[in-house]
Protein backbone atom coordinates (compact mmCIF):
# COMPACT_ATOMS: atom_id res chain seq x y z
CA UNK A 1 -28.73 53.31 -7.50
CA UNK A 2 -27.33 50.61 -5.26
CA UNK A 3 -26.14 49.97 -1.75
CA UNK A 4 -23.59 47.62 -0.49
CA UNK A 5 -25.21 44.82 1.59
CA UNK A 6 -26.06 45.47 5.15
CA UNK A 7 -22.81 47.25 5.89
CA UNK A 8 -21.74 45.82 2.73
CA UNK A 9 -23.70 46.85 -0.03
CA UNK A 10 -27.41 47.78 -0.50
CA UNK A 11 -28.91 48.04 -3.79
CA UNK A 12 -31.88 49.65 -5.25
CA UNK A 13 -33.05 48.51 -8.59
CA UNK A 14 -34.65 51.07 -10.70
CA UNK A 15 -37.30 50.64 -13.60
CA UNK A 16 -37.01 53.33 -16.27
CA UNK A 17 -39.79 53.91 -18.44
CA UNK A 18 -41.08 56.58 -20.97
CA UNK A 19 -43.25 59.17 -19.66
CA UNK A 20 -46.85 58.78 -21.06
CA UNK A 21 -46.54 54.99 -21.47
CA UNK A 22 -45.76 52.73 -24.29
CA UNK A 23 -44.99 54.35 -27.75
CA UNK A 24 -47.30 53.39 -30.57
CA UNK A 25 -44.35 52.43 -32.70
CA UNK A 26 -42.86 50.07 -29.95
CA UNK A 27 -43.01 46.66 -31.64
CA UNK A 28 -42.53 44.70 -28.38
CA UNK A 29 -45.89 46.30 -26.68
CA UNK A 30 -49.00 44.71 -28.55
CA UNK A 31 -52.78 44.74 -27.62
CA UNK A 32 -53.41 40.90 -28.35
CA UNK A 33 -57.44 41.64 -27.78
CA UNK A 34 -59.71 43.95 -26.36
CA UNK A 35 -58.81 42.85 -22.75
CA UNK A 36 -55.31 41.79 -23.28
CA UNK A 37 -51.95 43.72 -23.45
CA UNK A 38 -48.48 42.43 -23.43
CA UNK A 39 -45.56 44.34 -22.16
CA UNK A 40 -41.79 43.83 -22.76
CA UNK A 41 -38.93 44.84 -20.51
CA UNK A 42 -35.35 44.21 -20.29
CA UNK A 43 -32.29 44.84 -18.00
CA UNK A 44 -30.79 44.14 -14.77
CA UNK A 45 -30.12 40.59 -13.58
CA UNK A 46 -30.07 41.92 -9.90
CA UNK A 47 -34.04 42.02 -9.79
CA UNK A 48 -34.76 39.43 -11.97
CA UNK A 49 -35.58 36.55 -9.26
CA UNK A 50 -38.24 39.00 -7.73
CA UNK A 51 -39.47 40.37 -11.13
CA UNK A 52 -40.11 36.85 -12.40
CA UNK A 53 -42.39 36.05 -9.50
CA UNK A 54 -44.09 39.57 -9.58
CA UNK A 55 -44.80 39.12 -13.35
CA UNK A 56 -45.96 35.47 -13.12
CA UNK A 57 -48.58 36.29 -10.41
CA UNK A 58 -49.67 39.53 -11.96
CA UNK A 59 -50.17 37.58 -15.32
CA UNK A 60 -52.31 34.90 -13.49
CA UNK A 61 -54.64 37.76 -11.93
CA UNK A 62 -54.80 40.11 -14.79
CA UNK A 63 -54.93 39.98 -18.63
CA UNK A 64 -51.51 41.65 -18.86
CA UNK A 65 -48.54 39.68 -19.60
CA UNK A 66 -45.04 41.02 -18.99
CA UNK A 67 -41.99 39.53 -20.78
CA UNK A 68 -38.66 40.55 -19.13
CA UNK A 69 -35.20 39.67 -20.40
CA UNK A 70 -32.67 39.50 -17.86
CA UNK A 71 -29.74 40.96 -20.12
CA UNK A 72 -27.84 43.30 -17.74
CA UNK A 73 -28.44 47.08 -16.97
CA UNK A 74 -26.36 48.27 -19.74
CA UNK A 75 -28.72 46.36 -22.07
CA UNK A 76 -31.66 47.45 -20.41
CA UNK A 77 -30.71 51.15 -20.71
CA UNK A 78 -29.53 50.58 -24.44
CA UNK A 79 -32.88 48.97 -25.34
CA UNK A 80 -35.06 51.51 -23.47
CA UNK A 81 -33.22 54.39 -25.10
CA UNK A 82 -34.04 52.81 -28.60
CA UNK A 83 -37.61 52.27 -27.88
CA UNK A 84 -37.44 48.40 -28.34
CA UNK A 85 -38.95 47.69 -25.04
CA UNK A 86 -41.60 49.39 -22.95
CA UNK A 87 -39.35 49.62 -19.65
CA UNK A 88 -35.86 48.96 -18.73
CA UNK A 89 -34.31 48.07 -15.44
CA UNK A 90 -31.03 49.24 -14.07
CA UNK A 91 -29.30 49.06 -10.87
CA UNK A 92 -27.46 52.24 -11.89
CA UNK A 93 -29.13 55.41 -12.74
CA UNK A 94 -29.16 56.90 -16.24
CA UNK A 95 -26.56 59.60 -16.60
CA UNK A 96 -27.55 63.05 -18.07
CA UNK A 97 -25.64 61.99 -21.29
CA UNK A 98 -27.65 58.74 -21.44
CA UNK A 99 -30.91 60.57 -20.81
CA UNK A 100 -30.02 63.08 -23.40
CA UNK A 101 -29.56 60.38 -26.04
CA UNK A 102 -32.73 58.55 -25.40
CA UNK A 103 -35.36 58.53 -28.13
CA UNK A 104 -38.84 59.50 -27.45
CA UNK A 105 -40.34 61.22 -24.27
CA UNK A 106 -38.71 61.84 -20.84
CA UNK A 107 -37.36 58.87 -19.06
CA UNK A 108 -38.61 58.43 -15.45
CA UNK A 109 -36.80 56.66 -12.67
CA UNK A 110 -39.06 54.67 -10.64
CA UNK A 111 -37.46 52.69 -7.54
CA UNK A 112 -38.87 49.24 -7.59
CA UNK A 113 -36.95 46.95 -5.06
CA UNK A 114 -34.13 46.97 -2.52
CA UNK A 115 -31.67 44.31 -2.39
CA UNK A 116 -27.99 43.47 -1.37
CA UNK A 117 -24.93 42.98 -3.54
CA UNK A 118 -23.00 40.51 -1.31
CA UNK A 119 -19.42 39.00 -1.48
CA UNK A 120 -19.54 35.25 -2.27
CA UNK A 121 -16.62 32.77 -2.14
CA UNK A 122 -15.60 29.16 -2.63
CA UNK A 123 -13.23 27.71 0.41
CA UNK A 124 -14.00 24.19 0.89
CA UNK A 125 -13.42 23.38 4.56
CA UNK A 126 -14.29 26.86 5.63
CA UNK A 127 -17.64 26.86 7.45
CA UNK A 128 -17.26 30.15 9.13
CA UNK A 129 -18.51 33.09 7.34
CA UNK A 130 -15.46 35.28 6.40
CA UNK A 131 -15.22 38.74 7.71
CA UNK A 132 -13.93 41.33 5.43
CA UNK A 133 -13.33 45.11 5.48
CA UNK A 134 -13.93 47.45 2.45
CA UNK A 135 -10.14 48.12 2.32
CA UNK A 136 -9.35 44.34 2.17
CA UNK A 137 -12.36 43.93 -0.30
CA UNK A 138 -10.64 46.60 -2.57
CA UNK A 139 -7.08 45.03 -2.23
CA UNK A 140 -8.48 41.67 -3.37
CA UNK A 141 -10.16 42.90 -6.41
CA UNK A 142 -7.16 45.19 -7.16
CA UNK A 143 -4.88 42.11 -7.01
CA UNK A 144 -3.00 43.41 -4.12
CA UNK A 145 -4.23 40.40 -1.83
CA UNK A 146 -3.30 37.17 -3.87
CA UNK A 147 -3.45 34.42 -1.10
CA UNK A 148 -6.23 33.23 1.08
CA UNK A 149 -3.69 33.20 3.97
CA UNK A 150 -2.53 36.76 3.55
CA UNK A 151 -2.15 38.24 6.93
CA UNK A 152 -4.66 41.08 6.37
CA UNK A 153 -7.33 38.12 6.03
CA UNK A 154 -6.17 36.05 8.79
CA UNK A 155 -6.04 38.84 11.19
CA UNK A 156 -9.63 39.47 10.71
CA UNK A 157 -10.71 35.94 10.97
CA UNK A 158 -8.91 34.49 14.09
CA UNK A 159 -9.34 30.72 14.41
CA UNK A 160 -10.38 30.22 10.86
CA UNK A 161 -7.94 27.96 8.72
CA UNK A 162 -7.52 29.76 5.70
CA UNK A 163 -5.80 27.78 2.82
CA UNK A 164 -2.41 28.86 1.21
CA UNK A 165 -4.08 28.95 -2.21
CA UNK A 166 -4.32 31.54 -4.69
CA UNK A 167 -7.57 33.75 -4.57
CA UNK A 168 -9.36 34.03 -8.15
CA UNK A 169 -11.52 36.87 -8.69
CA UNK A 170 -14.75 36.69 -10.53
CA UNK A 171 -16.24 39.81 -11.82
CA UNK A 172 -18.94 40.67 -14.39
CA UNK A 173 -17.87 40.92 -18.07
CA UNK A 174 -20.59 43.25 -19.42
CA UNK A 175 -22.15 46.46 -18.36
CA UNK A 176 -23.71 45.82 -15.32
CA UNK A 177 -25.69 47.64 -12.41
CA UNK A 178 -24.50 45.01 -9.99
CA UNK A 179 -20.89 46.32 -10.86
CA UNK A 180 -22.06 49.85 -10.63
CA UNK A 181 -23.24 49.13 -7.09
CA UNK A 182 -20.23 47.23 -6.00
CA UNK A 183 -17.75 49.61 -7.35
CA UNK A 184 -19.94 52.87 -6.13
CA UNK A 185 -19.45 51.16 -2.71
CA UNK A 186 -15.86 50.67 -2.94
CA UNK A 187 -15.26 54.21 -4.33
CA UNK A 188 -17.04 55.53 -1.29
CA UNK A 189 -15.57 53.14 1.35
CA UNK A 190 -12.05 52.34 0.10
CA UNK A 191 -9.70 55.21 -0.83
CA UNK A 192 -7.60 52.82 -2.63
CA UNK A 193 -10.33 51.71 -5.04
CA UNK A 194 -11.46 55.41 -5.60
CA UNK A 195 -7.83 56.11 -6.80
CA UNK A 196 -8.03 53.31 -9.07
CA UNK A 197 -10.65 51.92 -11.21
CA UNK A 198 -13.43 53.78 -9.69
CA UNK A 199 -17.24 53.59 -10.10
CA UNK A 200 -19.11 52.48 -13.21
CA UNK A 201 -21.24 49.86 -15.05
CA UNK A 202 -17.80 48.72 -16.65
CA UNK A 203 -14.69 49.41 -15.10
CA UNK A 204 -10.97 48.30 -15.96
CA UNK A 205 -10.66 45.46 -13.86
CA UNK A 206 -6.94 44.91 -12.58
CA UNK A 207 -7.28 41.08 -12.07
CA UNK A 208 -9.84 38.38 -12.34
CA UNK A 209 -12.11 36.33 -14.71
CA UNK A 210 -15.27 37.72 -16.38
CA UNK A 211 -18.72 36.18 -16.41
CA UNK A 212 -21.86 37.57 -17.90
CA UNK A 213 -24.63 38.26 -15.61
CA UNK A 214 -25.29 37.40 -11.71
CA UNK A 215 -26.25 33.88 -12.72
CA UNK A 216 -22.68 33.18 -14.50
CA UNK A 217 -20.75 34.99 -11.66
CA UNK A 218 -22.55 32.73 -8.96
CA UNK A 219 -21.99 29.69 -11.19
CA UNK A 220 -18.27 30.37 -11.82
CA UNK A 221 -17.64 30.88 -8.00
CA UNK A 222 -19.57 27.76 -7.03
CA UNK A 223 -17.50 25.55 -9.33
CA UNK A 224 -14.00 27.01 -8.76
CA UNK A 225 -12.27 26.38 -5.42
CA UNK A 226 -10.53 29.50 -4.14
CA UNK A 227 -12.63 32.17 -5.96
CA UNK A 228 -14.53 35.08 -4.80
CA UNK A 229 -16.90 37.28 -6.58
CA UNK A 230 -19.96 39.61 -6.19
CA UNK A 231 -23.55 38.88 -6.83
CA UNK A 232 -27.10 39.92 -5.64
CA UNK A 233 -28.14 38.05 -2.33
CA UNK A 234 -30.84 35.94 -3.93
CA UNK A 235 -28.17 34.28 -6.46
CA UNK A 236 -26.05 33.31 -3.40
CA UNK A 237 -28.97 32.01 -1.23
CA UNK A 238 -30.40 30.09 -4.45
CA UNK A 239 -27.06 28.30 -4.95
CA UNK A 240 -26.31 27.76 -0.91
CA UNK A 241 -23.27 29.89 -1.24
CA UNK A 242 -21.57 31.51 1.77
CA UNK A 243 -21.75 35.33 2.07
CA UNK A 244 -19.02 37.23 4.09
CA UNK A 245 -19.90 39.68 6.63
CA UNK A 246 -18.73 43.34 5.86
CA UNK A 247 -17.44 45.92 8.40
CA UNK A 248 -19.68 48.90 8.19
CA UNK A 249 -19.17 52.54 8.97
CA UNK A 250 -20.11 51.85 12.72
CA UNK A 251 -17.40 49.15 12.85
CA UNK A 252 -19.81 46.30 13.03
CA UNK A 253 -19.54 43.35 10.89
CA UNK A 254 -22.82 42.76 9.43
CA UNK A 255 -24.04 39.98 7.05
CA UNK A 256 -26.67 40.66 4.44
CA UNK A 257 -30.22 40.20 5.38
CA UNK A 258 -33.59 41.99 4.74
CA UNK A 259 -33.35 43.66 8.17
CA UNK A 260 -29.81 44.92 7.32
CA UNK A 261 -30.98 46.17 3.97
CA UNK A 262 -34.00 47.88 5.61
CA UNK A 263 -31.72 49.53 8.22
CA UNK A 264 -29.38 50.81 5.54
CA UNK A 265 -32.13 52.39 3.53
CA UNK A 266 -33.66 53.97 6.61
CA UNK A 267 -30.43 55.63 7.51
CA UNK A 268 -30.08 57.03 3.86
CA UNK A 269 -33.69 58.01 3.60
CA UNK A 270 -33.20 61.52 5.06
CA UNK A 271 -30.82 62.20 1.97
CA UNK A 272 -33.45 61.29 -0.58
CA UNK A 273 -34.56 64.22 -2.76
CA UNK A 274 -37.95 65.70 -2.30
CA UNK A 275 -38.35 65.89 -6.23
CA UNK A 276 -38.99 62.97 -8.63
CA UNK A 277 -35.30 62.57 -9.61
CA UNK A 278 -34.62 59.25 -7.73
CA UNK A 279 -31.02 59.05 -9.14
CA UNK A 280 -29.28 58.79 -5.68
CA UNK A 281 -26.83 56.44 -4.14
CA UNK A 282 -27.33 54.78 -0.68
CA UNK A 283 -24.16 52.79 -0.44
CA UNK A 284 -22.19 52.39 2.79
CA UNK A 285 -25.09 53.93 4.84
CA UNK A 286 -24.55 54.79 8.42
CA UNK A 287 -26.01 52.89 11.46
CA UNK A 288 -24.90 50.01 13.46
CA UNK A 289 -27.26 47.59 11.91
CA UNK A 290 -26.76 48.76 8.13
């Protein structure tokens, strides 16, 4: 459940838990005393920066300690389905097939946090934020745009001196909710991508170098001149990495921010279901500020 940032991509991380709480047979959830309980979760790297703060503060103010392993959405879904954790986290909702295979009771999807999946890049000497369209992003990740000075890039960024060097695409190597959000957005906003790899936690990448986790993608881009990748906004901010402004449905170039994510969520709110099934997508939202 994600969204491309601002007008780029917006993301909604979801915590998945078994209805009725922890199972008695779940080894990861143990009562350590009459007043203390430990919980274990695993999954998406997308919400980890916020989860780590939440869980630390919660432990300091209660007797509950929460151990969360940032292993990717695919891993979180697997571990929840096998009942080896008390809760999983995924940026992509579980499919009907995944739900049917999960052990134990029903799985509930509980939205926990909104965030932005952003395009970040490493272009020494380029200090002006790049402007990109969904079509251009798709063509870069499809391997159809291979040089930074391609006319489709220079026309979007007049006055910016783009290098003649090759573009190195960096993408996730494992099953990833961030990948699901990114490819969900491209499928919705770029026909060329919809006809090609499509959306999913794992897709067949036409080009590029794989890295595991948002942390590794951010690290690979940061240390490799000429590279481009997609990460959750907090990872770009923590590493002082540039973020592209993306043209939205209204034709405006928007940079990722809390107000932009809020605008995208508000624009999509009317389409949210009235029931408790929150497996929805709010990528490519309408609105000038989304």
